[in-house]
Amino acid sequence: MRILLSNDDGYFAPGLAALAQALSPLADITVVAPERDRSGASNSLTLDRPLMLRQAPTGFYYVNGTPTDCVHLAVTGMLDHMPDMVISGINHGANMGDDTIYSGTVAAATEGYLLGIPSIAVSLASHNARHFDTAARVVADLVQRIQTRPPAEPMLLNVNVPDCATADLNGVSVTRLGKRHKAESVVKTTNPRGQTVYWVGAAGAAQDAGEGTDFHAVANDQVSITPLQMDLTRFSQMDSVNAWLKP
């Protein structure tokens, strides 16, 4: 099996190193990740300048672009084979609910999925992020399951792992995305040159976090696995929009 790894925290991130180490015994690993932290880059592609591919002393490749750039470049221009899987992470912090819209971690996996490759985004659900080994073990187990029971069609899985020892996990739950309250307002401040600058406010607290959601699973020390799709059509509004457009 050949696996392409990427992330949005940058090629130097400890979560990426932990993932590569855990999966190396199971597959042929290639790492192509951003040259710097690109958290929140979502599914953006770089179209206004050329991309450069370099290799670090670790053997990891890095690109002066977004997570989506990294996977797209690797699959369509760098590798001489199609990866069997794309795995993005391990992200430093959760990607649950509305986070998936903005997440570069999810975006890298999404690009693999759009290219027809089974893909997984994995995040350690804590800003302290101590137990990358736990998340790496969870992903290794998923890879082994895919090796023995290949899915009938490509899947895009969003995995959030509680930041605890593997022995303290309370199982695995297949979940739906929850929902956050709206984000806090931007923070207005002044830089050392006296210029007004703005910091994007913090994400909102969980709003829809009931049983069955990713928020609920992680809060109960369960690994949350959410199958994602890319069709954004709101089918329930098609008839009402049709009626609204009629004279």
C-alpha atoms as a PDB file:
ATOM      1  CA  MET A   1       0.000   0.000   0.000  1.00  0.00           C
ATOM      2  CA  ARG A   2       1.172   3.536  -0.837  1.00  0.00           C
ATOM      3  CA  ILE A   3       0.003   6.434   1.318  1.00  0.00           C
ATOM      4  CA  LEU A   4       0.393  10.163   0.756  1.00  0.00           C
ATOM      5  CA  LEU A   5       0.553  12.198   3.970  1.00  0.00           C
ATOM      6  CA  SER A   6      -0.077  15.913   4.264  1.00  0.00           C
ATOM      7  CA  ASN A   7      -1.349  18.432   6.836  1.00  0.00           C
ATOM      8  CA  ASP A   8      -1.991  22.132   7.406  1.00  0.00           C
ATOM      9  CA  ASP A   9       0.353  22.698  10.359  1.00  0.00           C
ATOM     10  CA  GLY A  10       3.490  22.487   8.197  1.00  0.00           C
ATOM     11  CA  TYR A  11       6.040  19.783   7.345  1.00  0.00           C
ATOM     12  CA  PHE A  12       7.798  20.283  10.706  1.00  0.00           C
ATOM     13  CA  ALA A  13       4.687  19.574  12.843  1.00  0.00           C
ATOM     14  CA  PRO A  14       4.985  16.845  15.513  1.00  0.00           C
ATOM     15  CA  GLY A  15       1.634  15.344  14.551  1.00  0.00           C
ATOM     16  CA  LEU A  16       2.822  14.704  11.008  1.00  0.00           C
ATOM     17  CA  ALA A  17       6.005  13.039  12.260  1.00  0.00           C
ATOM     18  CA  ALA A  18       4.002  10.824  14.648  1.00  0.00           C
ATOM     19  CA  LEU A  19       1.697   9.785  11.827  1.00  0.00           C
ATOM     20  CA  ALA A  20       4.545   8.970   9.447  1.00  0.00           C
ATOM     21  CA  GLN A  21       6.289   6.892  12.120  1.00  0.00           C
ATOM     22  CA  ALA A  22       3.136   4.913  12.954  1.00  0.00           C
ATOM     23  CA  LEU A  23       2.262   4.164   9.326  1.00  0.00           C
ATOM     24  CA  SER A  24       5.749   3.389   7.971  1.00  0.00           C
ATOM     25  CA  PRO A  25       5.562  -0.299   8.991  1.00  0.00           C
ATOM     26  CA  LEU A  26       2.237  -0.625   7.164  1.00  0.00           C
ATOM     27  CA  ALA A  27       2.810   1.183   3.864  1.00  0.00           C
ATOM     28  CA  ASP A  28       5.146   3.061   1.567  1.00  0.00           C
ATOM     29  CA  ILE A  29       4.874   6.642   2.869  1.00  0.00           C
ATOM     30  CA  THR A  30       5.373   9.900   0.968  1.00  0.00           C
ATOM     31  CA  VAL A  31       4.974  13.202   2.818  1.00  0.00           C
ATOM     32  CA  VAL A  32       4.115  16.426   0.985  1.00  0.00           C
ATOM     33  CA  ALA A  33       3.094  19.232   3.329  1.00  0.00           C
ATOM     34  CA  PRO A  34       3.057  23.047   3.429  1.00  0.00           C
ATOM     35  CA  GLU A  35       6.297  24.873   4.205  1.00  0.00           C
ATOM     36  CA  ARG A  36       4.564  26.808   7.000  1.00  0.00           C
ATOM     37  CA  ASP A  37       1.406  26.700   9.091  1.00  0.00           C
ATOM     38  CA  ARG A  38      -1.591  27.081   6.769  1.00  0.00           C
ATOM     39  CA  SER A  39      -4.363  26.415   9.290  1.00  0.00           C
ATOM     40  CA  GLY A  40      -7.700  27.767   8.092  1.00  0.00           C
ATOM     41  CA  ALA A  41      -6.672  27.701   4.419  1.00  0.00           C
ATOM     42  CA  SER A  42      -9.716  25.583   3.558  1.00  0.00           C
ATOM     43  CA  ASN A  43      -9.780  24.253  -0.020  1.00  0.00           C
ATOM     44  CA  SER A  44      -7.848  27.124  -1.587  1.00  0.00           C
ATOM     45  CA  LEU A  45      -5.534  26.560  -4.543  1.00  0.00           C
ATOM     46  CA  THR A  46      -2.616  28.866  -5.378  1.00  0.00           C
ATOM     47  CA  LEU A  47      -3.206  30.245  -8.870  1.00  0.00           C
ATOM     48  CA  ASP A  48      -1.309  33.566  -8.809  1.00  0.00           C
ATOM     49  CA  ARG A  49       2.254  32.227  -8.628  1.00  0.00           C
ATOM     50  CA  PRO A  50       4.207  29.005  -9.280  1.00  0.00           C
ATOM     51  CA  LEU A  51       4.688  26.404  -6.587  1.00  0.00           C
ATOM     52  CA  MET A  52       8.061  25.037  -5.504  1.00  0.00           C
ATOM     53  CA  LEU A  53       8.717  21.544  -4.155  1.00  0.00           C
ATOM     54  CA  ARG A  54      11.628  21.045  -1.766  1.00  0.00           C
ATOM     55  CA  GLN A  55      12.828  18.192   0.446  1.00  0.00           C
ATOM     56  CA  ALA A  56      13.730  18.516   4.128  1.00  0.00           C
ATOM     57  CA  PRO A  57      16.516  16.521   5.845  1.00  0.00           C
ATOM     58  CA  THR A  58      13.758  14.284   7.287  1.00  0.00           C
ATOM     59  CA  GLY A  59      12.875  13.174   3.757  1.00  0.00           C
ATOM     60  CA  PHE A  60       9.554  15.027   3.917  1.00  0.00           C
ATOM     61  CA  TYR A  61       8.700  17.181   0.904  1.00  0.00           C
ATOM     62  CA  TYR A  62       7.270  20.655   1.402  1.00  0.00           C
ATOM     63  CA  VAL A  63       5.521  23.149  -0.846  1.00  0.00           C
ATOM     64  CA  ASN A  64       5.160  26.931  -0.677  1.00  0.00           C
ATOM     65  CA  GLY A  65       1.401  26.619  -0.912  1.00  0.00           C
ATOM     66  CA  THR A  66      -1.768  25.387   0.731  1.00  0.00           C
ATOM     67  CA  PRO A  67      -2.686  21.875   1.917  1.00  0.00           C
ATOM     68  CA  THR A  68      -4.822  21.463  -1.213  1.00  0.00           C
ATOM     69  CA  ASP A  69      -1.852  22.529  -3.352  1.00  0.00           C
ATOM     70  CA  CYS A  70       0.300  19.870  -1.689  1.00  0.00           C
ATOM     71  CA  VAL A  71      -2.041  16.976  -2.442  1.00  0.00           C
ATOM     72  CA  HIS A  72      -2.899  18.219  -5.926  1.00  0.00           C
ATOM     73  CA  LEU A  73       0.768  18.710  -6.844  1.00  0.00           C
ATOM     74  CA  ALA A  74       1.792  15.345  -5.416  1.00  0.00           C
ATOM     75  CA  VAL A  75      -0.954  13.312  -7.096  1.00  0.00           C
ATOM     76  CA  THR A  76      -1.060  15.052 -10.478  1.00  0.00           C
ATOM     77  CA  GLY A  77       2.553  16.104 -10.972  1.00  0.00           C
ATOM     78  CA  MET A  78       5.078  14.601  -8.574  1.00  0.00           C
ATOM     79  CA  LEU A  79       4.295  10.950  -7.953  1.00  0.00           C
ATOM     80  CA  ASP A  80       4.642   8.336 -10.680  1.00  0.00           C
ATOM     81  CA  HIS A  81       1.805   6.330  -9.138  1.00  0.00           C
ATOM     82  CA  MET A  82      -1.645   6.973  -7.714  1.00  0.00           C
ATOM     83  CA  PRO A  83      -1.614   6.704  -3.889  1.00  0.00           C
ATOM     84  CA  ASP A  84      -3.911   4.127  -2.366  1.00  0.00           C
ATOM     85  CA  MET A  85      -4.807   6.583   0.389  1.00  0.00           C
ATOM     86  CA  VAL A  86      -4.386  10.227   1.356  1.00  0.00           C
ATOM     87  CA  ILE A  87      -4.165  10.971   5.078  1.00  0.00           C
ATOM     88  CA  SER A  88      -4.008  14.492   6.475  1.00  0.00           C
ATOM     89  CA  GLY A  89      -2.883  15.317  10.017  1.00  0.00           C
ATOM     90  CA  ILE A  90      -2.422  14.796  12.829  1.00  0.00           C
ATOM     91  CA  ASN A  91      -3.841  18.274  13.356  1.00  0.00           C
ATOM     92  CA  HIS A  92      -3.018  20.195  16.530  1.00  0.00           C
ATOM     93  CA  GLY A  93      -6.590  20.858  17.684  1.00  0.00           C
ATOM     94  CA  ALA A  94     -10.063  19.606  16.839  1.00  0.00           C
ATOM     95  CA  ASN A  95     -11.814  19.885  13.488  1.00  0.00           C
ATOM     96  CA  MET A  96     -15.449  19.344  14.405  1.00  0.00           C
ATOM     97  CA  GLY A  97     -18.734  20.827  13.269  1.00  0.00           C
ATOM     98  CA  ASP A  98     -18.332  24.072  11.341  1.00  0.00           C
ATOM     99  CA  ASP A  99     -14.523  23.774  11.612  1.00  0.00           C
ATOM    100  CA  THR A 100     -14.569  21.429   8.623  1.00  0.00           C
ATOM    101  CA  ILE A 101     -15.513  24.324   6.305  1.00  0.00           C
ATOM    102  CA  TYR A 102     -12.338  26.258   7.159  1.00  0.00           C
ATOM    103  CA  SER A 103      -9.953  23.434   7.993  1.00  0.00           C
ATOM    104  CA  GLY A 104      -6.834  22.964   5.901  1.00  0.00           C
ATOM    105  CA  THR A 105      -6.497  19.501   7.421  1.00  0.00           C
ATOM    106  CA  VAL A 106      -9.882  18.453   6.063  1.00  0.00           C
ATOM    107  CA  ALA A 107      -9.129  20.250   2.781  1.00  0.00           C
ATOM    108  CA  ALA A 108      -6.027  18.160   2.095  1.00  0.00           C
ATOM    109  CA  ALA A 109      -8.035  14.972   2.581  1.00  0.00           C
ATOM    110  CA  THR A 110     -10.863  16.405   0.495  1.00  0.00           C
ATOM    111  CA  GLU A 111      -8.511  16.999  -2.429  1.00  0.00           C
ATOM    112  CA  GLY A 112      -7.477  13.348  -2.304  1.00  0.00           C
ATOM    113  CA  TYR A 113     -11.130  12.323  -2.255  1.00  0.00           C
ATOM    114  CA  LEU A 114     -11.943  14.569  -5.226  1.00  0.00           C
ATOM    115  CA  LEU A 115      -9.120  12.861  -7.109  1.00  0.00           C
ATOM    116  CA  GLY A 116     -10.772   9.498  -6.442  1.00  0.00           C
ATOM    117  CA  ILE A 117      -8.601   8.368  -3.523  1.00  0.00           C
ATOM    118  CA  PRO A 118      -9.904   7.136  -0.137  1.00  0.00           C
ATOM    119  CA  SER A 119      -8.919   9.877   2.291  1.00  0.00           C
ATOM    120  CA  ILE A 120      -8.818  10.546   6.024  1.00  0.00           C
ATOM    121  CA  ALA A 121      -8.416  13.785   7.975  1.00  0.00           C
ATOM    122  CA  VAL A 122      -7.327  13.248  11.567  1.00  0.00           C
ATOM    123  CA  SER A 123      -7.169  15.748  14.414  1.00  0.00           C
ATOM    124  CA  LEU A 124      -6.173  15.565  18.070  1.00  0.00           C
ATOM    125  CA  ALA A 125      -9.004  17.353  19.841  1.00  0.00           C
ATOM    126  CA  SER A 126      -7.003  19.536  22.215  1.00  0.00           C
ATOM    127  CA  HIS A 127      -5.031  22.762  22.036  1.00  0.00           C
ATOM    128  CA  ASN A 128      -2.505  21.209  24.448  1.00  0.00           C
ATOM    129  CA  ALA A 129      -2.064  18.199  22.139  1.00  0.00           C
ATOM    130  CA  ARG A 130      -0.020  15.734  24.159  1.00  0.00           C
ATOM    131  CA  HIS A 131      -1.116  12.316  22.917  1.00  0.00           C
ATOM    132  CA  PHE A 132      -0.260  12.343  19.216  1.00  0.00           C
ATOM    133  CA  ASP A 133       0.642   8.681  19.684  1.00  0.00           C
ATOM    134  CA  THR A 134      -2.988   7.872  20.488  1.00  0.00           C
ATOM    135  CA  ALA A 135      -4.253   9.514  17.307  1.00  0.00           C
ATOM    136  CA  ALA A 136      -1.512   7.801  15.285  1.00  0.00           C
ATOM    137  CA  ARG A 137      -2.576   4.429  16.697  1.00  0.00           C
ATOM    138  CA  VAL A 138      -6.196   5.117  15.750  1.00  0.00           C
ATOM    139  CA  VAL A 139      -5.194   5.922  12.160  1.00  0.00           C
ATOM    140  CA  ALA A 140      -2.963   2.859  11.936  1.00  0.00           C
ATOM    141  CA  ASP A 141      -5.919   0.712  12.993  1.00  0.00           C
ATOM    142  CA  LEU A 142      -8.086   2.322  10.307  1.00  0.00           C
ATOM    143  CA  VAL A 143      -5.425   1.717   7.658  1.00  0.00           C
ATOM    144  CA  GLN A 144      -5.168  -1.940   8.625  1.00  0.00           C
ATOM    145  CA  ARG A 145      -8.959  -2.240   8.425  1.00  0.00           C
ATOM    146  CA  ILE A 146      -8.929  -0.694   4.944  1.00  0.00           C
ATOM    147  CA  GLN A 147      -6.159  -3.090   3.898  1.00  0.00           C
ATOM    148  CA  THR A 148      -8.179  -6.125   4.981  1.00  0.00           C
ATOM    149  CA  ARG A 149     -11.629  -4.770   4.032  1.00  0.00           C
ATOM    150  CA  PRO A 150     -11.253  -2.235   1.192  1.00  0.00           C
ATOM    151  CA  PRO A 151     -14.255   0.108   0.907  1.00  0.00           C
ATOM    152  CA  ALA A 152     -16.562  -0.381  -2.058  1.00  0.00           C
ATOM    153  CA  GLU A 153     -16.119   3.291  -3.018  1.00  0.00           C
ATOM    154  CA  PRO A 154     -13.752   6.085  -1.982  1.00  0.00           C
ATOM    155  CA  MET A 155     -14.550   7.489   1.462  1.00  0.00           C
ATOM    156  CA  LEU A 156     -13.752  10.850   3.033  1.00  0.00           C
ATOM    157  CA  LEU A 157     -13.534  10.414   6.785  1.00  0.00           C
ATOM    158  CA  ASN A 158     -13.095  13.178   9.353  1.00  0.00           C
ATOM    159  CA  VAL A 159     -11.562  11.681  12.500  1.00  0.00           C
ATOM    160  CA  ASN A 160     -11.266  13.497  15.833  1.00  0.00           C
ATOM    161  CA  VAL A 161      -9.384  11.778  18.648  1.00  0.00           C
ATOM    162  CA  PRO A 162      -9.593  12.743  22.342  1.00  0.00           C
ATOM    163  CA  ASP A 163      -6.270  13.864  23.805  1.00  0.00           C
ATOM    164  CA  CYS A 164      -5.781  10.951  26.174  1.00  0.00           C
ATOM    165  CA  ALA A 165      -3.835   7.723  26.456  1.00  0.00           C
ATOM    166  CA  THR A 166      -4.983   4.931  24.145  1.00  0.00           C
ATOM    167  CA  ALA A 167      -6.060   2.867  27.149  1.00  0.00           C
ATOM    168  CA  ASP A 168      -8.418   5.663  28.237  1.00  0.00           C
ATOM    169  CA  LEU A 169     -10.346   5.832  24.961  1.00  0.00           C
ATOM    170  CA  ASN A 170     -13.999   4.889  25.304  1.00  0.00           C
ATOM    171  CA  GLY A 171     -14.449   3.274  21.921  1.00  0.00           C
ATOM    172  CA  VAL A 172     -15.300   4.635  18.484  1.00  0.00           C
ATOM    173  CA  SER A 173     -18.453   6.401  17.376  1.00  0.00           C
ATOM    174  CA  VAL A 174     -19.642   7.122  13.830  1.00  0.00           C
ATOM    175  CA  THR A 175     -21.020  10.636  14.103  1.00  0.00           C
ATOM    176  CA  ARG A 176     -22.589  13.565  12.285  1.00  0.00           C
ATOM    177  CA  LEU A 177     -21.115  17.047  12.362  1.00  0.00           C
ATOM    178  CA  GLY A 178     -22.279  19.199  15.240  1.00  0.00           C
ATOM    179  CA  LYS A 179     -22.573  22.960  15.047  1.00  0.00           C
ATOM    180  CA  ARG A 180     -20.895  25.882  16.789  1.00  0.00           C
ATOM    181  CA  HIS A 181     -22.267  29.225  17.907  1.00  0.00           C
ATOM    182  CA  LYS A 182     -21.079  32.036  15.650  1.00  0.00           C
ATOM    183  CA  ALA A 183     -17.430  33.020  16.026  1.00  0.00           C
ATOM    184  CA  GLU A 184     -16.366  35.809  18.330  1.00  0.00           C
ATOM    185  CA  SER A 185     -15.825  39.253  16.802  1.00  0.00           C
ATOM    186  CA  VAL A 186     -12.431  40.250  15.436  1.00  0.00           C
ATOM    187  CA  VAL A 187     -10.005  41.710  17.953  1.00  0.00           C
ATOM    188  CA  LYS A 188      -8.899  45.235  17.080  1.00  0.00           C
ATOM    189  CA  THR A 189      -5.460  46.294  18.302  1.00  0.00           C
ATOM    190  CA  THR A 190      -2.439  48.413  17.385  1.00  0.00           C
ATOM    191  CA  ASN A 191       0.912  47.083  16.173  1.00  0.00           C
ATOM    192  CA  PRO A 192       4.303  48.520  17.250  1.00  0.00           C
ATOM    193  CA  ARG A 193       4.177  50.981  14.332  1.00  0.00           C
ATOM    194  CA  GLY A 194       0.913  52.454  15.539  1.00  0.00           C
ATOM    195  CA  GLN A 195      -1.139  50.844  12.765  1.00  0.00           C
ATOM    196  CA  THR A 196      -4.570  49.386  13.477  1.00  0.00           C
ATOM    197  CA  VAL A 197      -4.640  45.634  12.936  1.00  0.00           C
ATOM    198  CA  TYR A 198      -7.259  42.931  13.438  1.00  0.00           C
ATOM    199  CA  TRP A 199      -7.047  39.349  14.690  1.00  0.00           C
ATOM    200  CA  VAL A 200      -9.768  36.899  13.680  1.00  0.00           C
ATOM    201  CA  GLY A 201     -11.837  36.028  16.737  1.00  0.00           C
ATOM    202  CA  ALA A 202     -11.982  32.633  18.368  1.00  0.00           C
ATOM    203  CA  ALA A 203     -14.347  29.941  17.104  1.00  0.00           C
ATOM    204  CA  GLY A 204     -17.705  29.792  18.833  1.00  0.00           C
ATOM    205  CA  ALA A 205     -18.522  27.262  21.525  1.00  0.00           C
ATOM    206  CA  ALA A 206     -20.437  24.110  20.634  1.00  0.00           C
ATOM    207  CA  GLN A 207     -24.155  24.734  20.027  1.00  0.00           C
ATOM    208  CA  ASP A 208     -25.406  21.458  18.588  1.00  0.00           C
ATOM    209  CA  ALA A 209     -23.416  18.950  20.634  1.00  0.00           C
ATOM    210  CA  GLY A 210     -26.022  16.350  21.447  1.00  0.00           C
ATOM    211  CA  GLU A 211     -25.727  12.594  21.267  1.00  0.00           C
ATOM    212  CA  GLY A 212     -24.646  11.427  17.837  1.00  0.00           C
ATOM    213  CA  THR A 213     -22.483  14.477  17.113  1.00  0.00           C
ATOM    214  CA  ASP A 214     -18.718  14.662  16.889  1.00  0.00           C
ATOM    215  CA  PHE A 215     -18.659  17.063  19.856  1.00  0.00           C
ATOM    216  CA  HIS A 216     -20.553  14.593  22.040  1.00  0.00           C
ATOM    217  CA  ALA A 217     -18.307  11.667  21.116  1.00  0.00           C
ATOM    218  CA  VAL A 218     -15.054  13.486  21.885  1.00  0.00           C
ATOM    219  CA  ALA A 219     -16.468  14.897  25.143  1.00  0.00           C
ATOM    220  CA  ASN A 220     -17.103  11.293  26.184  1.00  0.00           C
ATOM    221  CA  ASP A 221     -13.567  10.158  25.249  1.00  0.00           C
ATOM    222  CA  GLN A 222     -14.709   8.403  22.089  1.00  0.00           C
ATOM    223  CA  VAL A 223     -12.992   8.590  18.726  1.00  0.00           C
ATOM    224  CA  SER A 224     -15.352  10.448  16.381  1.00  0.00           C
ATOM    225  CA  ILE A 225     -15.486   9.289  12.749  1.00  0.00           C
ATOM    226  CA  THR A 226     -17.662  11.375  10.439  1.00  0.00           C
ATOM    227  CA  PRO A 227     -18.139  10.407   6.775  1.00  0.00           C
ATOM    228  CA  LEU A 228     -18.168  13.608   4.707  1.00  0.00           C
ATOM    229  CA  GLN A 229     -19.594  14.443   1.278  1.00  0.00           C
ATOM    230  CA  MET A 230     -18.915  17.291  -1.132  1.00  0.00           C
ATOM    231  CA  ASP A 231     -22.372  17.891  -2.643  1.00  0.00           C
ATOM    232  CA  LEU A 232     -23.463  21.220  -1.106  1.00  0.00           C
ATOM    233  CA  THR A 233     -26.876  21.209  -2.762  1.00  0.00           C
ATOM    234  CA  ARG A 234     -29.681  21.963  -0.295  1.00  0.00           C
ATOM    235  CA  PHE A 235     -32.288  19.685  -1.830  1.00  0.00           C
ATOM    236  CA  SER A 236     -34.998  20.663   0.656  1.00  0.00           C
ATOM    237  CA  GLN A 237     -35.036  24.224  -0.736  1.00  0.00           C
ATOM    238  CA  MET A 238     -35.136  23.391  -4.442  1.00  0.00           C
ATOM    239  CA  ASP A 239     -38.936  23.475  -4.665  1.00  0.00           C
ATOM    240  CA  SER A 240     -39.264  26.693  -2.657  1.00  0.00           C
ATOM    241  CA  VAL A 241     -36.592  28.441  -4.756  1.00  0.00           C
ATOM    242  CA  ASN A 242     -38.342  27.227  -7.914  1.00  0.00           C
ATOM    243  CA  ALA A 243     -41.618  28.696  -6.651  1.00  0.00           C
ATOM    244  CA  TRP A 244     -39.925  31.960  -5.650  1.00  0.00           C
ATOM    245  CA  LEU A 245     -38.514  32.399  -9.166  1.00  0.00           C
ATOM    246  CA  LYS A 246     -41.857  31.951 -10.906  1.00  0.00           C
ATOM    247  CA  PRO A 247     -43.623  35.160 -12.028  1.00  0.00           C
END
